[in-house]
Amino acid sequence: MTLPLAQMIFGEAPVTVAIAANYVDSRDVAAAHLAAFENPAASGRYLLSGERKRAIEMASELKALRPQTKPPTLEVPRSLLSVVCAADWLMNKTLKTPRLLSRDMLEDYVDDQVEYSSARAAAELLWRPRPFAESLADTADWILEKRPSAYT
C-alpha cells in the first residue's frame, strides 16, 4: 500500500482505478502473530482482514484526514481497466517505472463483492484490527515524515 499511497500523497496519481482491497495494518498482523504464539490453544491458520476499500474511497479519506495531500478525485471505469493495465506495462518497459497494475492484480481486486472474515482470529486470539482511518493516517504521516527516496 505504501507506493500507491505515496503517489496519492504527492499528487503523482492523477486517477484511481476501479479496484478494491482489504487493508490490514502491519501492526495488527504482528499483534495477531504474537497472540497466536502466546496462546497454547491456537492452531492452524488465521485469516486477518481489515476493511475493504475502493481506491477512490481511500483517496477521499486521505484528503479528509490530511488536507495537504493531493490524492486523485477521479476513478477510471472498469471498462477501461485493460487499457490502464497495458499502459502500466508499457511504462514499466520503456520508463522502468514499477508495475502498479497487472492482469493478475485486476483479477484479485476488481470484485467489490469479495468478503473475508477474521471472526476466528477475533474469537480465539481476541484480535481486533485498528480502524482503517487510523492506519491510513499513520501511514500517510510516516510517508510525509520519511519522504521515501523516490520522493526526495
Protein backbone atom coordinates (compact mmCIF):
# COMPACT_ATOMS: atom_id res chain seq x y z
CA MET A 1 0.00 0.00 0.00
CA THR A 2 2.92 2.36 0.58
CA LEU A 3 3.88 3.19 -3.02
CA PRO A 4 0.33 3.85 -4.31
CA LEU A 5 -0.40 5.85 -1.16
CA ALA A 6 2.79 7.89 -1.57
CA GLN A 7 1.78 8.61 -5.16
CA MET A 8 -1.59 9.82 -3.89
CA ILE A 9 0.02 11.98 -1.21
CA PHE A 10 2.42 13.71 -3.58
CA GLY A 11 -0.04 14.14 -6.45
CA GLU A 12 1.58 11.59 -8.75
CA ALA A 13 -1.59 9.54 -9.19
CA PRO A 14 -3.90 11.55 -11.46
CA VAL A 15 -6.68 8.95 -11.19
CA THR A 16 -7.51 5.77 -9.33
CA VAL A 17 -8.64 2.56 -10.92
CA ALA A 18 -11.90 0.80 -10.08
CA ILE A 19 -10.42 -1.79 -7.74
CA ALA A 20 -10.92 -2.62 -4.10
CA ALA A 21 -8.82 -4.38 -1.49
CA ASN A 22 -8.94 -5.40 2.13
CA TYR A 23 -6.45 -3.47 4.20
CA VAL A 24 -4.96 -4.56 7.49
CA ASP A 25 -2.28 -2.68 9.41
CA SER A 26 1.05 -4.48 9.74
CA ARG A 27 1.00 -3.68 13.48
CA ASP A 28 -2.26 -5.63 13.73
CA VAL A 29 -0.73 -8.56 11.84
CA ALA A 30 2.22 -8.53 14.24
CA ALA A 31 -0.17 -8.44 17.22
CA ALA A 32 -2.05 -11.46 15.85
CA HIS A 33 1.19 -13.39 15.38
CA LEU A 34 2.18 -12.63 18.95
CA ALA A 35 -1.28 -13.61 20.25
CA ALA A 36 -1.13 -16.91 18.35
CA PHE A 37 2.37 -17.58 19.70
CA GLU A 38 1.31 -16.85 23.27
CA ASN A 39 -1.95 -18.86 23.09
CA PRO A 40 -1.30 -22.61 23.57
CA ALA A 41 -4.73 -23.42 22.12
CA ALA A 42 -4.03 -21.56 18.87
CA SER A 43 -3.59 -23.84 15.88
CA GLY A 44 -3.81 -23.76 12.13
CA ARG A 45 -4.17 -20.64 10.05
CA TYR A 46 -5.93 -17.41 10.86
CA LEU A 47 -7.27 -15.01 8.27
CA LEU A 48 -6.51 -11.41 9.18
CA SER A 49 -8.57 -8.93 7.25
CA GLY A 50 -9.41 -5.31 7.78
CA GLU A 51 -11.81 -3.02 5.99
CA ARG A 52 -12.43 -3.38 2.25
CA LYS A 53 -11.96 -0.07 0.44
CA ARG A 54 -12.07 1.04 -3.16
CA ALA A 55 -9.03 3.04 -4.23
CA ILE A 56 -11.19 6.15 -4.71
CA GLU A 57 -12.54 5.78 -1.17
CA MET A 58 -9.01 5.60 0.17
CA ALA A 59 -8.12 8.75 -1.79
CA SER A 60 -11.15 10.57 -0.41
CA GLU A 61 -10.40 9.52 3.17
CA LEU A 62 -6.77 10.53 2.75
CA LYS A 63 -7.78 14.03 1.67
CA ALA A 64 -10.18 14.33 4.62
CA LEU A 65 -7.53 13.17 7.10
CA ARG A 66 -4.57 15.05 5.61
CA PRO A 67 -5.82 18.06 3.58
CA GLN A 68 -2.29 18.98 2.44
CA THR A 69 -2.11 15.81 0.32
CA LYS A 70 -3.01 15.65 -3.38
CA PRO A 71 -4.95 12.43 -3.96
CA PRO A 72 -6.91 11.85 -7.16
CA THR A 73 -10.61 12.59 -7.32
CA LEU A 74 -11.40 10.60 -10.48
CA GLU A 75 -11.73 6.86 -10.98
CA VAL A 76 -11.06 5.05 -14.26
CA PRO A 77 -14.14 2.94 -15.03
CA ARG A 78 -13.86 -0.84 -15.14
CA SER A 79 -14.46 -0.86 -18.87
CA LEU A 80 -11.06 0.80 -19.37
CA LEU A 81 -9.01 -1.26 -16.91
CA SER A 82 -7.40 -3.36 -19.65
CA VAL A 83 -6.15 -0.14 -21.28
CA VAL A 84 -4.73 1.06 -17.96
CA CYS A 85 -3.07 -2.31 -17.47
CA ALA A 86 -1.44 -2.08 -20.91
CA ALA A 87 -0.27 1.48 -20.21
CA ASP A 88 1.24 0.35 -16.90
CA TRP A 89 3.11 -2.45 -18.68
CA LEU A 90 4.34 -0.06 -21.38
CA MET A 91 5.59 2.48 -18.81
CA ASN A 92 7.43 -0.30 -17.00
CA LYS A 93 9.12 -1.47 -20.19
CA THR A 94 10.01 1.96 -21.55
CA LEU A 95 10.49 4.17 -18.49
CA LYS A 96 11.37 1.44 -15.97
CA THR A 97 8.60 2.57 -13.60
CA PRO A 98 7.45 -0.05 -11.11
CA ARG A 99 4.45 -2.12 -12.12
CA LEU A 100 1.37 -1.00 -10.23
CA LEU A 101 -1.37 -2.90 -12.02
CA SER A 102 -1.10 -6.24 -13.76
CA ARG A 103 -3.79 -8.53 -15.16
CA ASP A 104 -3.32 -10.82 -12.14
CA MET A 105 -3.88 -7.90 -9.80
CA LEU A 106 -7.02 -6.94 -11.67
CA GLU A 107 -8.42 -10.43 -11.18
CA ASP A 108 -7.71 -10.23 -7.45
CA TYR A 109 -9.00 -6.71 -6.80
CA VAL A 110 -11.75 -5.89 -9.28
CA ASP A 111 -14.55 -7.71 -7.43
CA ASP A 112 -16.27 -5.45 -4.89
CA GLN A 113 -18.29 -8.35 -3.51
CA VAL A 114 -15.38 -10.31 -2.03
CA GLU A 115 -15.72 -10.60 1.72
CA TYR A 116 -13.22 -12.04 4.17
CA SER A 117 -13.84 -12.87 7.79
CA SER A 118 -11.42 -12.58 10.67
CA ALA A 119 -14.02 -13.99 13.07
CA ARG A 120 -11.86 -16.94 14.08
CA ALA A 121 -8.90 -14.68 14.90
CA ALA A 122 -11.23 -12.36 16.81
CA ALA A 123 -12.74 -15.21 18.82
CA GLU A 124 -9.65 -17.31 19.51
CA LEU A 125 -6.94 -14.65 19.65
CA LEU A 126 -9.10 -11.71 20.78
CA TRP A 127 -7.74 -9.92 17.70
CA ARG A 128 -9.20 -6.55 16.79
CA PRO A 129 -7.78 -4.59 13.85
CA ARG A 130 -7.49 -0.86 14.24
CA PRO A 131 -9.83 1.31 12.17
CA PHE A 132 -8.78 1.89 8.56
CA ALA A 133 -8.70 5.67 9.08
CA GLU A 134 -6.15 5.31 11.89
CA SER A 135 -3.89 3.09 9.81
CA LEU A 136 -4.25 5.37 6.78
CA ALA A 137 -3.39 8.48 8.81
CA ASP A 138 -0.38 6.82 10.46
CA THR A 139 0.93 5.53 7.13
CA ALA A 140 0.44 8.92 5.48
CA ASP A 141 2.24 10.62 8.37
CA TRP A 142 5.14 8.19 8.07
CA ILE A 143 5.41 8.81 4.32
CA LEU A 144 5.24 12.58 4.82
CA GLU A 145 7.90 12.43 7.55
CA LYS A 146 10.30 9.96 5.94
CA ARG A 147 9.75 11.00 2.31
CA PRO A 148 10.89 7.71 0.78
CA SER A 149 13.87 8.00 -1.55
CA ALA A 150 11.68 8.01 -4.65
CA TYR A 151 10.17 11.30 -3.41
CA THR A 152 13.21 13.33 -2.34
